[in-house]
């Protein structure tokens, strides 16, 4: 499922099946690419936030004509108990 965060600039993509996630990511990247080409000077950043959860954003931090991937999955740290 694609949810618009900011029209033409940022999308949230979620899914539970790899094929549907890929299709939704492709669609979101195309929407962002259209805006990036219109603006000029921006690229696209695809960020994995967790299993089946992504954002696709037109970003000034990514060179024009480029799509970059980032992973921000946080894994919980095990608790360590010292002493008794």
PDB file of N, CA and C in Angstrom:
ATOM      1  N   UNK A   1       0.840  -1.169   0.000  1.00  0.00           N
ATOM      2  CA  UNK A   1       0.000   0.000   0.000  1.00  0.00           C
ATOM      3  C   UNK A   1       0.896   1.247   0.000  1.00  0.00           C
ATOM      4  N   UNK A   2       0.531   2.222  -0.816  1.00  0.00           N
ATOM      5  CA  UNK A   2       1.256   3.492  -0.861  1.00  0.00           C
ATOM      6  C   UNK A   2       0.405   4.548  -0.165  1.00  0.00           C
ATOM      7  N   UNK A   3       1.025   5.246   0.769  1.00  0.00           N
ATOM      8  CA  UNK A   3       0.390   6.369   1.435  1.00  0.00           C
ATOM      9  C   UNK A   3       1.212   7.610   1.122  1.00  0.00           C
ATOM     10  N   UNK A   4       0.557   8.663   0.694  1.00  0.00           N
ATOM     11  CA  UNK A   4       1.257   9.904   0.384  1.00  0.00           C
ATOM     12  C   UNK A   4       1.555  10.653   1.676  1.00  0.00           C
ATOM     13  N   UNK A   5       2.821  10.980   1.878  1.00  0.00           N
ATOM     14  CA  UNK A   5       3.227  11.784   3.028  1.00  0.00           C
ATOM     15  C   UNK A   5       3.216  13.254   2.616  1.00  0.00           C
ATOM     16  N   UNK A   6       3.829  13.539   1.466  1.00  0.00           N
ATOM     17  CA  UNK A   6       3.837  14.885   0.893  1.00  0.00           C
ATOM     18  C   UNK A   6       3.671  14.713  -0.615  1.00  0.00           C
ATOM     19  N   UNK A   7       2.604  15.224  -1.154  1.00  0.00           N
ATOM     20  CA  UNK A   7       2.256  15.014  -2.555  1.00  0.00           C
ATOM     21  C   UNK A   7       3.430  15.284  -3.488  1.00  0.00           C
ATOM     22  N   UNK A   8       3.744  14.251  -4.290  1.00  0.00           N
ATOM     23  CA  UNK A   8       4.804  14.372  -5.279  1.00  0.00           C
ATOM     24  C   UNK A   8       6.217  14.277  -4.729  1.00  0.00           C
ATOM     25  N   UNK A   9       6.362  14.266  -3.413  1.00  0.00           N
ATOM     26  CA  UNK A   9       7.711  14.313  -2.832  1.00  0.00           C
ATOM     27  C   UNK A   9       8.039  13.163  -1.896  1.00  0.00           C
ATOM     28  N   UNK A  10       7.057  12.620  -1.196  1.00  0.00           N
ATOM     29  CA  UNK A  10       7.361  11.612  -0.185  1.00  0.00           C
ATOM     30  C   UNK A  10       6.203  10.630  -0.020  1.00  0.00           C
ATOM     31  N   UNK A  11       6.559   9.340  -0.028  1.00  0.00           N
ATOM     32  CA  UNK A  11       5.561   8.275   0.041  1.00  0.00           C
ATOM     33  C   UNK A  11       5.985   7.216   1.062  1.00  0.00           C
ATOM     34  N   UNK A  12       4.996   6.630   1.709  1.00  0.00           N
ATOM     35  CA  UNK A  12       5.215   5.539   2.664  1.00  0.00           C
ATOM     36  C   UNK A  12       4.669   4.279   1.996  1.00  0.00           C
ATOM     37  N   UNK A  13       5.499   3.243   1.913  1.00  0.00           N
ATOM     38  CA  UNK A  13       5.106   1.997   1.254  1.00  0.00           C
ATOM     39  C   UNK A  13       5.154   0.869   2.272  1.00  0.00           C
ATOM     40  N   UNK A  14       4.058   0.111   2.364  1.00  0.00           N
ATOM     41  CA  UNK A  14       4.011  -1.048   3.259  1.00  0.00           C
ATOM     42  C   UNK A  14       3.436  -2.243   2.519  1.00  0.00           C
ATOM     43  N   UNK A  15       3.784  -3.417   2.986  1.00  0.00           N
ATOM     44  CA  UNK A  15       3.249  -4.642   2.401  1.00  0.00           C
ATOM     45  C   UNK A  15       3.755  -5.849   3.142  1.00  0.00           C
ATOM     46  N   UNK A  16       3.157  -6.989   2.817  1.00  0.00           N
ATOM     47  CA  UNK A  16       3.568  -8.217   3.495  1.00  0.00           C
ATOM     48  C   UNK A  16       4.025  -9.317   2.541  1.00  0.00           C
ATOM     49  N   UNK A  17       3.940  -9.043   1.229  1.00  0.00           N
ATOM     50  CA  UNK A  17       4.400 -10.010   0.231  1.00  0.00           C
ATOM     51  C   UNK A  17       5.454  -9.343  -0.643  1.00  0.00           C
ATOM     52  N   UNK A  18       6.602  -9.991  -0.833  1.00  0.00           N
ATOM     53  CA  UNK A  18       7.692  -9.374  -1.589  1.00  0.00           C
ATOM     54  C   UNK A  18       7.281  -8.834  -2.957  1.00  0.00           C
ATOM     55  N   UNK A  19       6.479  -9.578  -3.700  1.00  0.00           N
ATOM     56  CA  UNK A  19       6.101  -9.134  -5.042  1.00  0.00           C
ATOM     57  C   UNK A  19       5.241  -7.869  -4.980  1.00  0.00           C
ATOM     58  N   UNK A  20       4.295  -7.816  -4.059  1.00  0.00           N
ATOM     59  CA  UNK A  20       3.445  -6.620  -3.971  1.00  0.00           C
ATOM     60  C   UNK A  20       4.242  -5.428  -3.440  1.00  0.00           C
ATOM     61  N   UNK A  21       5.165  -5.664  -2.517  1.00  0.00           N
ATOM     62  CA  UNK A  21       6.014  -4.583  -2.018  1.00  0.00           C
ATOM     63  C   UNK A  21       6.836  -3.999  -3.168  1.00  0.00           C
ATOM     64  N   UNK A  22       7.424  -4.861  -3.986  1.00  0.00           N
ATOM     65  CA  UNK A  22       8.241  -4.385  -5.115  1.00  0.00           C
ATOM     66  C   UNK A  22       7.406  -3.572  -6.090  1.00  0.00           C
ATOM     67  N   UNK A  23       6.194  -4.026  -6.375  1.00  0.00           N
ATOM     68  CA  UNK A  23       5.324  -3.292  -7.292  1.00  0.00           C
ATOM     69  C   UNK A  23       4.978  -1.915  -6.731  1.00  0.00           C
ATOM     70  N   UNK A  24       4.676  -1.858  -5.435  1.00  0.00           N
ATOM     71  CA  UNK A  24       4.339  -0.582  -4.797  1.00  0.00           C
ATOM     72  C   UNK A  24       5.559   0.348  -4.758  1.00  0.00           C
ATOM     73  N   UNK A  25       6.743  -0.220  -4.457  1.00  0.00           N
ATOM     74  CA  UNK A  25       7.969   0.588  -4.470  1.00  0.00           C
ATOM     75  C   UNK A  25       8.232   1.151  -5.862  1.00  0.00           C
ATOM     76  N   UNK A  26       8.066   0.321  -6.884  1.00  0.00           N
ATOM     77  CA  UNK A  26       8.267   0.785  -8.257  1.00  0.00           C
ATOM     78  C   UNK A  26       7.323   1.944  -8.576  1.00  0.00           C
ATOM     79  N   UNK A  27       6.069   1.821  -8.164  1.00  0.00           N
ATOM     80  CA  UNK A  27       5.083   2.881  -8.414  1.00  0.00           C
ATOM     81  C   UNK A  27       5.449   4.161  -7.678  1.00  0.00           C
ATOM     82  N   UNK A  28       5.851   4.034  -6.409  1.00  0.00           N
ATOM     83  CA  UNK A  28       6.224   5.207  -5.616  1.00  0.00           C
ATOM     84  C   UNK A  28       7.465   5.883  -6.189  1.00  0.00           C
ATOM     85  N   UNK A  29       8.440   5.091  -6.639  1.00  0.00           N
ATOM     86  CA  UNK A  29       9.654   5.659  -7.242  1.00  0.00           C
ATOM     87  C   UNK A  29       9.298   6.403  -8.529  1.00  0.00           C
ATOM     88  N   UNK A  30       8.386   5.871  -9.331  1.00  0.00           N
ATOM     89  CA  UNK A  30       7.973   6.561 -10.558  1.00  0.00           C
ATOM     90  C   UNK A  30       7.306   7.891 -10.243  1.00  0.00           C
ATOM     91  N   UNK A  31       6.449   7.923  -9.217  1.00  0.00           N
ATOM     92  CA  UNK A  31       5.813   9.175  -8.808  1.00  0.00           C
ATOM     93  C   UNK A  31       6.863  10.193  -8.357  1.00  0.00           C
ATOM     94  N   UNK A  32       7.816   9.734  -7.563  1.00  0.00           N
ATOM     95  CA  UNK A  32       8.882  10.617  -7.079  1.00  0.00           C
ATOM     96  C   UNK A  32       9.788  11.060  -8.223  1.00  0.00           C
ATOM     97  N   UNK A  33      10.070  10.145  -9.144  1.00  0.00           N
ATOM     98  CA  UNK A  33      10.942  10.467 -10.282  1.00  0.00           C
ATOM     99  C   UNK A  33      10.329  11.579 -11.136  1.00  0.00           C
ATOM    100  N   UNK A  34       9.028  11.517 -11.326  1.00  0.00           N
ATOM    101  CA  UNK A  34       8.353  12.559 -12.098  1.00  0.00           C
ATOM    102  C   UNK A  34       8.574  13.928 -11.448  1.00  0.00           C
ATOM    103  N   UNK A  35       8.419  13.993 -10.133  1.00  0.00           N
ATOM    104  CA  UNK A  35       8.606  15.259  -9.419  1.00  0.00           C
ATOM    105  C   UNK A  35      10.071  15.688  -9.444  1.00  0.00           C
ATOM    106  N   UNK A  36      10.981  14.737  -9.278  1.00  0.00           N
ATOM    107  CA  UNK A  36      12.418  15.055  -9.281  1.00  0.00           C
ATOM    108  C   UNK A  36      12.839  15.620 -10.644  1.00  0.00           C
ATOM    109  N   UNK A  37      12.301  15.064 -11.709  1.00  0.00           N
ATOM    110  CA  UNK A  37      12.625  15.563 -13.046  1.00  0.00           C
ATOM    111  C   UNK A  37      12.036  16.955 -13.250  1.00  0.00           C
ATOM    112  N   UNK A  38      10.857  17.179 -12.713  1.00  0.00           N
ATOM    113  CA  UNK A  38      10.197  18.478 -12.836  1.00  0.00           C
ATOM    114  C   UNK A  38      10.971  19.556 -12.077  1.00  0.00           C
ATOM    115  N   UNK A  39      11.428  19.202 -10.869  1.00  0.00           N
ATOM    116  CA  UNK A  39      12.190  20.139 -10.040  1.00  0.00           C
ATOM    117  C   UNK A  39      13.601  20.345 -10.576  1.00  0.00           C
ATOM    118  N   UNK A  40      14.231  19.260 -11.003  1.00  0.00           N
ATOM    119  CA  UNK A  40      15.633  19.297 -11.412  1.00  0.00           C
ATOM    120  C   UNK A  40      16.526  19.486 -10.191  1.00  0.00           C
ATOM    121  N   UNK A  41      17.648  18.816 -10.158  1.00  0.00           N
ATOM    122  CA  UNK A  41      18.580  19.001  -9.051  1.00  0.00           C
ATOM    123  C   UNK A  41      18.358  18.107  -7.848  1.00  0.00           C
ATOM    124  N   UNK A  42      17.347  17.232  -7.883  1.00  0.00           N
ATOM    125  CA  UNK A  42      17.093  16.322  -6.766  1.00  0.00           C
ATOM    126  C   UNK A  42      17.079  14.873  -7.250  1.00  0.00           C
ATOM    127  N   UNK A  43      17.443  13.971  -6.347  1.00  0.00           N
ATOM    128  CA  UNK A  43      17.373  12.550  -6.633  1.00  0.00           C
ATOM    129  C   UNK A  43      16.306  11.910  -5.760  1.00  0.00           C
ATOM    130  N   UNK A  44      16.343  10.591  -5.698  1.00  0.00           N
ATOM    131  CA  UNK A  44      15.337   9.843  -4.948  1.00  0.00           C
ATOM    132  C   UNK A  44      16.030   8.977  -3.906  1.00  0.00           C
ATOM    133  N   UNK A  45      15.485   8.998  -2.696  1.00  0.00           N
ATOM    134  CA  UNK A  45      16.007   8.186  -1.604  1.00  0.00           C
ATOM    135  C   UNK A  45      14.935   7.195  -1.175  1.00  0.00           C
ATOM    136  N   UNK A  46      15.277   5.897  -1.238  1.00  0.00           N
ATOM    137  CA  UNK A  46      14.390   4.829  -0.779  1.00  0.00           C
ATOM    138  C   UNK A  46      14.975   4.311   0.533  1.00  0.00           C
ATOM    139  N   UNK A  47      14.202   4.419   1.613  1.00  0.00           N
ATOM    140  CA  UNK A  47      14.686   4.021   2.933  1.00  0.00           C
ATOM    141  C   UNK A  47      13.852   2.873   3.481  1.00  0.00           C
ATOM    142  N   UNK A  48      14.539   1.793   3.853  1.00  0.00           N
ATOM    143  CA  UNK A  48      13.853   0.666   4.490  1.00  0.00           C
ATOM    144  C   UNK A  48      13.808   0.941   5.983  1.00  0.00           C
ATOM    145  N   UNK A  49      12.591   0.995   6.520  1.00  0.00           N
ATOM    146  CA  UNK A  49      12.398   1.291   7.934  1.00  0.00           C
ATOM    147  C   UNK A  49      12.201   0.033   8.769  1.00  0.00           C
ATOM    148  N   UNK A  50      11.788  -1.029   8.140  1.00  0.00           N
ATOM    149  CA  UNK A  50      11.543  -2.292   8.828  1.00  0.00           C
ATOM    150  C   UNK A  50      11.070  -3.307   7.809  1.00  0.00           C
ATOM    151  N   UNK A  51      10.756  -4.512   8.258  1.00  0.00           N
ATOM    152  CA  UNK A  51      10.264  -5.536   7.328  1.00  0.00           C
ATOM    153  C   UNK A  51       8.978  -5.057   6.634  1.00  0.00           C
ATOM    154  N   UNK A  52       9.035  -4.899   5.336  1.00  0.00           N
ATOM    155  CA  UNK A  52       7.865  -4.495   4.571  1.00  0.00           C
ATOM    156  C   UNK A  52       7.450  -3.047   4.737  1.00  0.00           C
ATOM    157  N   UNK A  53       8.350  -2.184   5.239  1.00  0.00           N
ATOM    158  CA  UNK A  53       8.024  -0.775   5.462  1.00  0.00           C
ATOM    159  C   UNK A  53       9.145   0.101   4.892  1.00  0.00           C
ATOM    160  N   UNK A  54       8.768   1.020   3.987  1.00  0.00           N
ATOM    161  CA  UNK A  54       9.733   1.861   3.287  1.00  0.00           C
ATOM    162  C   UNK A  54       9.200   3.282   3.152  1.00  0.00           C
ATOM    163  N   UNK A  55      10.113   4.231   2.929  1.00  0.00           N
ATOM    164  CA  UNK A  55       9.730   5.554   2.454  1.00  0.00           C
ATOM    165  C   UNK A  55      10.463   5.801   1.145  1.00  0.00           C
ATOM    166  N   UNK A  56       9.815   6.532   0.262  1.00  0.00           N
ATOM    167  CA  UNK A  56      10.406   6.953  -1.008  1.00  0.00           C
ATOM    168  C   UNK A  56      10.276   8.468  -1.023  1.00  0.00           C
ATOM    169  N   UNK A  57      11.409   9.175  -1.122  1.00  0.00           N
ATOM    170  CA  UNK A  57      11.425  10.625  -0.977  1.00  0.00           C
ATOM    171  C   UNK A  57      12.280  11.292  -2.049  1.00  0.00           C
ATOM    172  N   UNK A  58      11.776  12.401  -2.584  1.00  0.00           N
ATOM    173  CA  UNK A  58      12.600  13.260  -3.441  1.00  0.00           C
ATOM    174  C   UNK A  58      13.528  14.000  -2.484  1.00  0.00           C
ATOM    175  N   UNK A  59      14.848  13.876  -2.709  1.00  0.00           N
ATOM    176  CA  UNK A  59      15.808  14.389  -1.740  1.00  0.00           C
ATOM    177  C   UNK A  59      16.895  15.252  -2.385  1.00  0.00           C
ATOM    178  N   UNK A  60      17.134  16.408  -1.775  1.00  0.00           N
ATOM    179  CA  UNK A  60      18.221  17.278  -2.232  1.00  0.00           C
ATOM    180  C   UNK A  60      19.587  16.680  -1.889  1.00  0.00           C
ATOM    181  N   UNK A  61      19.610  15.696  -0.980  1.00  0.00           N
ATOM    182  CA  UNK A  61      20.862  15.049  -0.584  1.00  0.00           C
ATOM    183  C   UNK A  61      21.312  13.973  -1.570  1.00  0.00           C
ATOM    184  N   UNK A  62      20.452  13.657  -2.544  1.00  0.00           N
ATOM    185  CA  UNK A  62      20.771  12.634  -3.542  1.00  0.00           C
ATOM    186  C   UNK A  62      20.964  13.345  -4.883  1.00  0.00           C
ATOM    187  N   UNK A  63      22.064  13.053  -5.581  1.00  0.00           N
ATOM    188  CA  UNK A  63      22.314  13.720  -6.861  1.00  0.00           C
ATOM    189  C   UNK A  63      21.184  13.491  -7.873  1.00  0.00           C
ATOM    190  N   UNK A  64      20.927  14.509  -8.668  1.00  0.00           N
ATOM    191  CA  UNK A  64      19.903  14.431  -9.704  1.00  0.00           C
ATOM    192  C   UNK A  64      20.148  13.227 -10.610  1.00  0.00           C
ATOM    193  N   UNK A  65      19.077  12.513 -10.942  1.00  0.00           N
ATOM    194  CA  UNK A  65      19.174  11.356 -11.828  1.00  0.00           C
ATOM    195  C   UNK A  65      19.588  10.082 -11.118  1.00  0.00           C
ATOM    196  N   UNK A  66      19.695  10.139  -9.794  1.00  0.00           N
ATOM    197  CA  UNK A  66      20.157   8.994  -9.014  1.00  0.00           C
ATOM    198  C   UNK A  66      19.085   8.552  -8.022  1.00  0.00           C
ATOM    199  N   UNK A  67      18.996   7.247  -7.828  1.00  0.00           N
ATOM    200  CA  UNK A  67      18.152   6.690  -6.767  1.00  0.00           C
ATOM    201  C   UNK A  67      19.080   5.968  -5.803  1.00  0.00           C
ATOM    202  N   UNK A  68      19.033   6.354  -4.534  1.00  0.00           N
ATOM    203  CA  UNK A  68      19.871   5.714  -3.517  1.00  0.00           C
ATOM    204  C   UNK A  68      18.986   4.957  -2.534  1.00  0.00           C
ATOM    205  N   UNK A  69      19.562   3.927  -1.945  1.00  0.00           N
ATOM    206  CA  UNK A  69      18.862   3.131  -0.941  1.00  0.00           C
ATOM    207  C   UNK A  69      19.531   3.314   0.407  1.00  0.00           C
ATOM    208  N   UNK A  70      18.706   3.277   1.446  1.00  0.00           N
ATOM    209  CA  UNK A  70      19.192   3.394   2.820  1.00  0.00           C
ATOM    210  C   UNK A  70      18.410   2.406   3.680  1.00  0.00           C
ATOM    211  N   UNK A  71      19.042   1.920   4.722  1.00  0.00           N
ATOM    212  CA  UNK A  71      18.374   0.995   5.639  1.00  0.00           C
ATOM    213  C   UNK A  71      18.483   1.552   7.048  1.00  0.00           C
ATOM    214  N   UNK A  72      17.326   1.744   7.681  1.00  0.00           N
ATOM    215  CA  UNK A  72      17.317   2.271   9.041  1.00  0.00           C
ATOM    216  C   UNK A  72      16.616   1.314   9.998  1.00  0.00           C
ATOM    217  N   UNK A  73      16.757   0.028   9.749  1.00  0.00           N
ATOM    218  CA  UNK A  73      16.149  -0.960  10.639  1.00  0.00           C
ATOM    219  C   UNK A  73      16.926  -0.960  11.943  1.00  0.00           C
ATOM    220  N   UNK A  74      16.222  -0.805  13.015  1.00  0.00           N
ATOM    221  CA  UNK A  74      16.827  -0.814  14.348  1.00  0.00           C
ATOM    222  C   UNK A  74      16.551  -2.168  14.995  1.00  0.00           C
ATOM    223  N   UNK A  75      17.603  -2.808  15.454  1.00  0.00           N
ATOM    224  CA  UNK A  75      17.418  -4.073  16.160  1.00  0.00           C
ATOM    225  C   UNK A  75      17.537  -3.819  17.655  1.00  0.00           C
ATOM    226  N   UNK A  76      16.661  -4.438  18.437  1.00  0.00           N
ATOM    227  CA  UNK A  76      16.740  -4.215  19.880  1.00  0.00           C
ATOM    228  C   UNK A  76      18.040  -4.767  20.451  1.00  0.00           C
ATOM    229  N   UNK A  77      18.611  -4.032  21.374  1.00  0.00           N
ATOM    230  CA  UNK A  77      19.840  -4.485  22.029  1.00  0.00           C
ATOM    231  C   UNK A  77      19.475  -5.363  23.226  1.00  0.00           C
ATOM    232  N   UNK A  78      20.213  -6.445  23.396  1.00  0.00           N
ATOM    233  CA  UNK A  78      19.927  -7.298  24.551  1.00  0.00           C
ATOM    234  C   UNK A  78      20.302  -6.574  25.859  1.00  0.00           C
ATOM    235  N   UNK A  79      19.528  -6.822  26.865  1.00  0.00           N
ATOM    236  CA  UNK A  79      19.833  -6.231  28.168  1.00  0.00           C
ATOM    237  C   UNK A  79      20.934  -7.045  28.841  1.00  0.00           C
ATOM    238  N   UNK A  80      21.849  -6.339  29.431  1.00  0.00           N
ATOM    239  CA  UNK A  80      22.961  -6.986  30.119  1.00  0.00           C
ATOM    240  C   UNK A  80      22.862  -6.629  31.610  1.00  0.00           C
ATOM    241  N   UNK A  81      22.876  -7.648  32.430  1.00  0.00           N
ATOM    242  CA  UNK A  81      22.838  -7.421  33.874  1.00  0.00           C
ATOM    243  C   UNK A  81      24.218  -7.709  34.437  1.00  0.00           C
ATOM    244  N   UNK A  82      24.769  -6.743  35.153  1.00  0.00           N
ATOM    245  CA  UNK A  82      26.085  -6.906  35.748  1.00  0.00           C
ATOM    246  C   UNK A  82      25.903  -7.108  37.241  1.00  0.00           C
ATOM    247  N   UNK A  83      26.574  -8.115  37.740  1.00  0.00           N
ATOM    248  CA  UNK A  83      26.487  -8.411  39.179  1.00  0.00           C
ATOM    249  C   UNK A  83      25.235  -9.217  39.499  1.00  0.00           C
ATOM    250  N   UNK A  84      25.009  -9.422  40.780  1.00  0.00           N
ATOM    251  CA  UNK A  84      23.839 -10.214  41.169  1.00  0.00           C
ATOM    252  C   UNK A  84      22.901  -9.459  42.069  1.00  0.00           C
TER     253      UNK A  84
END
